[in-house]
Amino acid sequence: MKLNDYLQSRRALIDRTIDQNLPPAHTPPARIHEAMRYAVLGGGKRIRPIVALAAAEACGAEIEALLGPIAALELIHTYSLVHDDLPAMDDDDLRRGRKTTHVVYGEAIGILTGDALLTEAFAWLARPVVDAERQLRAIREVAAAADSRGLIGGQVADMEGTSVEGTIEQLEFIHRNKTGKLLTASVVLGGLLAGATEQVIDALRRYGEAVGLAFQIVDDLLDLEESAATLGKTAGKDLAQQKLTYPALVGPEGARAQVEALLAVAIENAGMIPGPVNYLAEIARFICERRS
């Protein structure tokens, strides 16, 4: 299967799983359930659940039984976007080519939508699909990626680090926590649910860390170089807000060189996964070469 076909098929599986498992829009109180579905089902690349599925498949797993906990990753990612767009944070009115959730439903429902998606995600992660020890480890992995020393900590550091006068160390802290840790946890989750060996889990973790940092550096470049129509979200905000980014610190060419170095690490570690179906290297290349 060509990579584009693989990505489309796995995206369809994730979308189906989310649609079937989220509360129906008419569930009382209807407004919050409408907003949850609006936020999650309005597009998106589904990168996090897709890399989790790819990792599980590369480790030899049958993925149908794993779709629930893996789709939960998209709920966590979307919750972070909904909160990130709020007036108290990035104050954005465009996401995935549509009005942001708080613009449509109001700020209070926007806050509660994020809260509800995060809570729902851990309910899905807790549904038993593998033995209890592996499942608990998988839940712990995702929770650690999303906590105050992970995604939330990265968001705080990002809000505080609005000056281009920061250092590369500060920037890497932001990127590895705000974006990288959840993406890494997604890859590791796939391996854990598939019953991978510790050696394979280590390779998956190194792959995820490289791809996670590269993903955000590419985002920095796209914000600088692409239009809002192409990105589906407001473009040029980093420069306007004097935010700390890779292009601001090392220039666009330096940022691209870093992406290439990280891609090489990802491909090397993807090659250590022994399964019969392994799209991890191709997905890493797709992430690093994307234009939206």
Protein backbone atom coordinates (compact mmCIF):
# COMPACT_ATOMS: atom_id res chain seq x y z
CA MET A 1 0.00 0.00 0.00
CA LYS A 2 1.33 3.46 -0.90
CA LEU A 3 1.86 5.80 2.03
CA ASN A 4 -0.96 8.16 1.02
CA ASP A 5 -3.40 5.24 0.85
CA TYR A 6 -2.16 3.98 4.20
CA LEU A 7 -2.62 7.38 5.83
CA GLN A 8 -6.12 7.77 4.36
CA SER A 9 -7.20 4.30 5.47
CA ARG A 10 -5.89 4.75 9.02
CA ARG A 11 -7.40 8.23 9.27
CA ALA A 12 -10.75 6.75 8.28
CA LEU A 13 -10.43 4.09 11.00
CA ILE A 14 -9.67 6.74 13.61
CA ASP A 15 -12.52 8.99 12.47
CA ARG A 16 -14.95 6.07 12.56
CA THR A 17 -13.82 5.10 16.05
CA ILE A 18 -14.15 8.64 17.37
CA ASP A 19 -17.57 9.10 15.79
CA GLN A 20 -18.86 5.81 17.21
CA ASN A 21 -17.48 6.31 20.71
CA LEU A 22 -18.11 9.97 21.46
CA PRO A 23 -21.50 10.66 23.04
CA PRO A 24 -24.07 11.48 20.34
CA ALA A 25 -24.63 15.20 19.80
CA HIS A 26 -28.17 15.02 21.24
CA THR A 27 -26.98 13.55 24.56
CA PRO A 28 -28.03 15.93 27.36
CA PRO A 29 -26.70 18.53 27.78
CA ALA A 30 -26.56 18.68 24.01
CA ARG A 31 -24.42 21.81 23.71
CA ILE A 32 -21.29 20.29 25.23
CA HIS A 33 -21.61 17.12 23.17
CA GLU A 34 -22.14 19.11 19.99
CA ALA A 35 -19.03 21.14 20.81
CA MET A 36 -16.94 18.03 21.53
CA ARG A 37 -17.87 16.52 18.19
CA TYR A 38 -17.33 19.84 16.41
CA ALA A 39 -13.84 20.14 17.84
CA VAL A 40 -12.68 16.60 17.11
CA LEU A 41 -14.50 15.65 13.92
CA GLY A 42 -13.74 18.83 11.99
CA GLY A 43 -10.66 17.56 10.17
CA GLY A 44 -7.05 17.10 11.18
CA LYS A 45 -4.22 14.82 10.06
CA ARG A 46 -4.62 12.37 12.99
CA ILE A 47 -0.82 12.11 13.17
CA ARG A 48 -0.69 10.92 16.79
CA PRO A 49 -3.11 8.00 16.50
CA ILE A 50 -1.71 7.11 13.09
CA VAL A 51 1.86 6.79 14.38
CA ALA A 52 0.48 4.72 17.27
CA LEU A 53 -1.27 2.40 14.81
CA ALA A 54 1.85 2.24 12.64
CA ALA A 55 3.97 1.33 15.66
CA ALA A 56 1.51 -1.37 16.73
CA GLU A 57 1.40 -2.81 13.22
CA ALA A 58 5.18 -2.70 12.91
CA CYS A 59 5.29 -4.75 16.12
CA GLY A 60 2.94 -7.34 14.61
CA ALA A 61 -0.36 -6.41 16.28
CA GLU A 62 -3.86 -6.72 14.88
CA ILE A 63 -5.08 -3.16 15.32
CA GLU A 64 -8.89 -3.46 15.39
CA ALA A 65 -9.02 -4.16 19.14
CA LEU A 66 -6.62 -1.30 19.86
CA LEU A 67 -8.53 1.45 18.06
CA GLY A 68 -10.31 2.79 21.17
CA PRO A 69 -7.27 3.64 23.30
CA ILE A 70 -5.31 4.79 20.25
CA ALA A 71 -8.13 7.12 19.10
CA ALA A 72 -8.04 8.64 22.60
CA LEU A 73 -4.77 10.30 21.59
CA GLU A 74 -6.68 12.51 19.17
CA LEU A 75 -9.03 13.61 21.96
CA ILE A 76 -6.04 14.69 24.07
CA HIS A 77 -4.45 16.51 21.14
CA THR A 78 -7.72 18.26 20.29
CA TYR A 79 -8.31 19.29 23.90
CA SER A 80 -4.89 20.99 23.84
CA LEU A 81 -5.79 22.83 20.62
CA VAL A 82 -9.18 23.97 21.94
CA HIS A 83 -7.55 25.42 25.06
CA ASP A 84 -4.60 26.83 23.09
CA ASP A 85 -7.02 28.82 20.91
CA LEU A 86 -8.81 30.46 23.87
CA PRO A 87 -8.59 34.25 24.35
CA ALA A 88 -6.47 33.82 27.49
CA MET A 89 -3.90 31.80 25.52
CA ASP A 90 -3.23 32.24 21.78
CA ASP A 91 -6.60 33.94 21.11
CA ASP A 92 -7.13 32.38 17.68
CA ASP A 93 -10.30 32.20 15.62
CA LEU A 94 -9.24 29.68 12.96
CA ARG A 95 -8.36 26.01 13.36
CA ARG A 96 -8.43 23.20 10.79
CA GLY A 97 -9.95 25.63 8.30
CA ARG A 98 -12.97 26.44 10.50
CA LYS A 99 -13.91 28.79 13.32
CA THR A 100 -12.36 27.71 16.59
CA THR A 101 -14.56 25.99 19.16
CA HIS A 102 -14.85 28.95 21.53
CA VAL A 103 -15.79 31.26 18.67
CA VAL A 104 -18.72 29.00 17.77
CA TYR A 105 -19.85 27.92 21.24
CA GLY A 106 -18.56 30.63 23.56
CA GLU A 107 -15.52 30.77 25.82
CA ALA A 108 -17.06 28.87 28.74
CA ILE A 109 -18.13 25.94 26.55
CA GLY A 110 -14.71 26.07 24.89
CA ILE A 111 -13.03 25.54 28.27
CA LEU A 112 -15.44 22.76 29.20
CA THR A 113 -15.05 21.11 25.81
CA GLY A 114 -11.32 20.74 26.38
CA ASP A 115 -11.95 19.42 29.89
CA ALA A 116 -14.49 16.91 28.60
CA LEU A 117 -12.26 15.65 25.78
CA LEU A 118 -9.33 15.06 28.13
CA THR A 119 -11.52 13.18 30.61
CA GLU A 120 -13.16 11.13 27.85
CA ALA A 121 -9.73 10.20 26.50
CA PHE A 122 -8.67 8.52 29.73
CA ALA A 123 -11.97 6.64 29.90
CA TRP A 124 -11.13 5.18 26.48
CA LEU A 125 -7.54 4.44 27.48
CA ALA A 126 -8.81 2.52 30.52
CA ARG A 127 -11.05 0.17 28.54
CA PRO A 128 -9.40 -3.26 28.85
CA VAL A 129 -7.90 -4.41 25.55
CA VAL A 130 -4.66 -6.06 26.71
CA ASP A 131 -3.41 -7.51 29.99
CA ALA A 132 -3.73 -5.19 33.00
CA GLU A 133 0.00 -4.61 33.50
CA ARG A 134 0.57 -3.47 29.92
CA GLN A 135 -2.59 -1.37 29.94
CA LEU A 136 -1.61 0.43 33.14
CA ARG A 137 1.85 1.12 31.77
CA ALA A 138 0.30 2.49 28.56
CA ILE A 139 -2.05 4.79 30.51
CA ARG A 140 0.84 6.00 32.67
CA GLU A 141 2.91 6.75 29.56
CA VAL A 142 0.21 8.94 28.05
CA ALA A 143 -0.64 10.67 31.34
CA ALA A 144 3.01 11.61 31.91
CA ALA A 145 3.19 13.11 28.42
CA ALA A 146 0.14 15.30 29.09
CA ASP A 147 0.92 16.50 32.63
CA SER A 148 2.57 19.63 34.03
CA ARG A 149 6.02 18.25 33.18
CA GLY A 150 4.90 17.42 29.65
CA LEU A 151 2.36 19.05 27.34
CA ILE A 152 1.04 21.53 29.91
CA GLY A 153 4.52 22.46 31.07
CA GLY A 154 5.54 23.06 27.48
CA GLN A 155 2.51 25.28 26.97
CA VAL A 156 3.40 27.34 30.04
CA ALA A 157 7.01 27.70 28.88
CA ASP A 158 5.75 28.71 25.43
CA MET A 159 3.53 31.46 26.88
CA GLU A 160 6.42 32.73 29.00
CA GLY A 161 8.97 32.45 26.19
CA THR A 162 7.60 35.01 23.80
CA SER A 163 10.93 36.72 23.15
CA VAL A 164 13.18 35.84 20.23
CA GLU A 165 16.07 36.56 22.59
CA GLY A 166 15.72 33.12 24.19
CA THR A 167 18.15 30.24 23.81
CA ILE A 168 18.07 27.04 21.78
CA GLU A 169 17.87 25.12 25.08
CA GLN A 170 14.72 27.01 26.10
CA LEU A 171 13.19 26.43 22.68
CA GLU A 172 13.92 22.70 22.71
CA PHE A 173 12.34 22.45 26.16
CA ILE A 174 9.17 24.04 24.79
CA HIS A 175 9.04 21.91 21.65
CA ARG A 176 9.93 18.60 23.31
CA ASN A 177 7.26 19.11 25.96
CA LYS A 178 4.45 20.98 24.22
CA THR A 179 4.50 18.83 21.08
CA GLY A 180 7.13 16.12 21.34
CA LYS A 181 6.11 14.22 24.46
CA LEU A 182 2.57 13.39 23.33
CA LEU A 183 3.81 12.33 19.92
CA THR A 184 6.50 10.16 21.54
CA ALA A 185 3.94 8.68 23.92
CA SER A 186 1.73 7.87 20.93
CA VAL A 187 4.46 5.80 19.29
CA VAL A 188 5.33 4.08 22.57
CA LEU A 189 1.64 3.41 23.26
CA GLY A 190 1.37 1.48 20.00
CA GLY A 191 4.37 -0.63 20.96
CA LEU A 192 3.13 -1.27 24.49
CA LEU A 193 -0.34 -2.33 23.36
CA ALA A 194 1.30 -4.61 20.79
CA GLY A 195 3.45 -6.32 23.44
CA ALA A 196 6.77 -5.10 22.05
CA THR A 197 10.05 -5.98 23.75
CA GLU A 198 11.92 -3.38 25.80
CA GLN A 199 14.51 -3.09 23.05
CA VAL A 200 11.80 -2.24 20.52
CA ILE A 201 10.13 0.18 22.96
CA ASP A 202 13.46 2.00 23.30
CA ALA A 203 13.76 2.29 19.51
CA LEU A 204 10.17 3.53 19.28
CA ARG A 205 10.88 6.13 21.96
CA ARG A 206 13.95 7.42 20.12
CA TYR A 207 11.93 7.53 16.90
CA GLY A 208 9.12 9.44 18.62
CA GLU A 209 11.47 11.95 20.23
CA ALA A 210 13.11 12.72 16.89
CA VAL A 211 9.83 12.99 14.99
CA GLY A 212 8.18 15.00 17.77
CA LEU A 213 10.86 17.70 17.74
CA ALA A 214 11.02 17.71 13.93
CA PHE A 215 7.23 18.11 13.75
CA GLN A 216 7.32 21.35 15.73
CA ILE A 217 10.32 22.76 13.86
CA VAL A 218 8.42 22.15 10.61
CA ASP A 219 5.42 23.93 12.17
CA ASP A 220 7.68 26.91 12.90
CA LEU A 221 8.79 26.97 9.27
CA LEU A 222 5.25 26.62 7.91
CA ASP A 223 3.99 29.47 10.11
CA LEU A 224 6.68 31.63 8.52
CA GLU A 225 6.33 30.48 4.92
CA GLU A 226 2.74 29.34 4.24
CA SER A 227 -0.65 31.04 4.12
CA ALA A 228 -3.62 30.61 6.44
CA ALA A 229 -5.55 29.02 3.58
CA THR A 230 -2.87 26.35 3.20
CA LEU A 231 -2.43 25.73 6.93
CA GLY A 232 -6.09 25.89 7.97
CA LYS A 233 -5.08 28.14 10.88
CA THR A 234 -3.76 31.67 11.32
CA ALA A 235 -0.34 32.05 9.71
CA GLY A 236 2.45 34.44 10.62
CA LYS A 237 1.52 34.69 14.31
CA ASP A 238 4.94 33.60 15.56
CA LEU A 239 6.70 36.47 13.81
CA ALA A 240 4.02 38.99 14.75
CA GLN A 241 4.23 37.99 18.42
CA GLN A 242 8.05 37.82 18.40
CA LYS A 243 7.83 34.20 19.55
CA LEU A 244 10.80 31.97 20.18
CA THR A 245 11.10 29.67 17.13
CA TYR A 246 13.79 27.74 15.29
CA PRO A 247 13.77 30.03 12.24
CA ALA A 248 14.08 33.06 14.54
CA LEU A 249 17.09 31.58 16.32
CA VAL A 250 19.00 29.74 13.60
CA GLY A 251 17.36 30.93 10.38
CA PRO A 252 15.16 28.90 8.01
CA GLU A 253 18.11 26.98 6.53
CA GLY A 254 19.44 26.10 9.96
CA ALA A 255 15.98 24.90 10.97
CA ARG A 256 15.71 22.72 7.85
CA ALA A 257 19.14 21.22 8.58
CA GLN A 258 17.96 20.29 12.06
CA VAL A 259 14.86 18.63 10.62
CA GLU A 260 17.04 16.58 8.25
CA ALA A 261 19.23 15.44 11.15
CA LEU A 262 16.19 14.42 13.19
CA LEU A 263 14.70 12.60 10.20
CA ALA A 264 17.87 10.53 9.90
CA VAL A 265 17.56 9.51 13.57
CA ALA A 266 13.90 8.58 13.09
CA ILE A 267 14.60 6.47 10.00
CA GLU A 268 17.46 4.67 11.73
CA ASN A 269 15.26 3.70 14.67
CA ALA A 270 12.28 2.79 12.48
CA GLY A 271 14.56 0.25 10.82
CA MET A 272 15.05 -1.50 14.17
CA ILE A 273 11.37 -2.54 14.36
CA PRO A 274 11.14 -6.09 13.03
CA GLY A 275 7.46 -6.37 12.03
CA PRO A 276 6.22 -7.29 8.55
CA VAL A 277 4.33 -3.98 8.03
CA ASN A 278 6.40 -0.92 8.84
CA TYR A 279 5.42 2.53 7.62
CA LEU A 280 7.26 4.41 10.36
CA ALA A 281 10.15 5.66 8.21
CA GLU A 282 7.80 6.85 5.47
CA ILE A 283 5.58 8.61 8.03
CA ALA A 284 8.64 10.36 9.48
CA ARG A 285 9.56 11.59 6.02
CA PHE A 286 5.97 12.74 5.43
CA ILE A 287 5.99 14.70 8.71
CA CYS A 288 9.30 16.35 7.91
CA GLU A 289 8.41 17.24 4.31
CA ARG A 290 4.78 18.32 4.77
CA ARG A 291 3.62 21.72 3.56
CA SER A 292 0.56 22.14 5.80
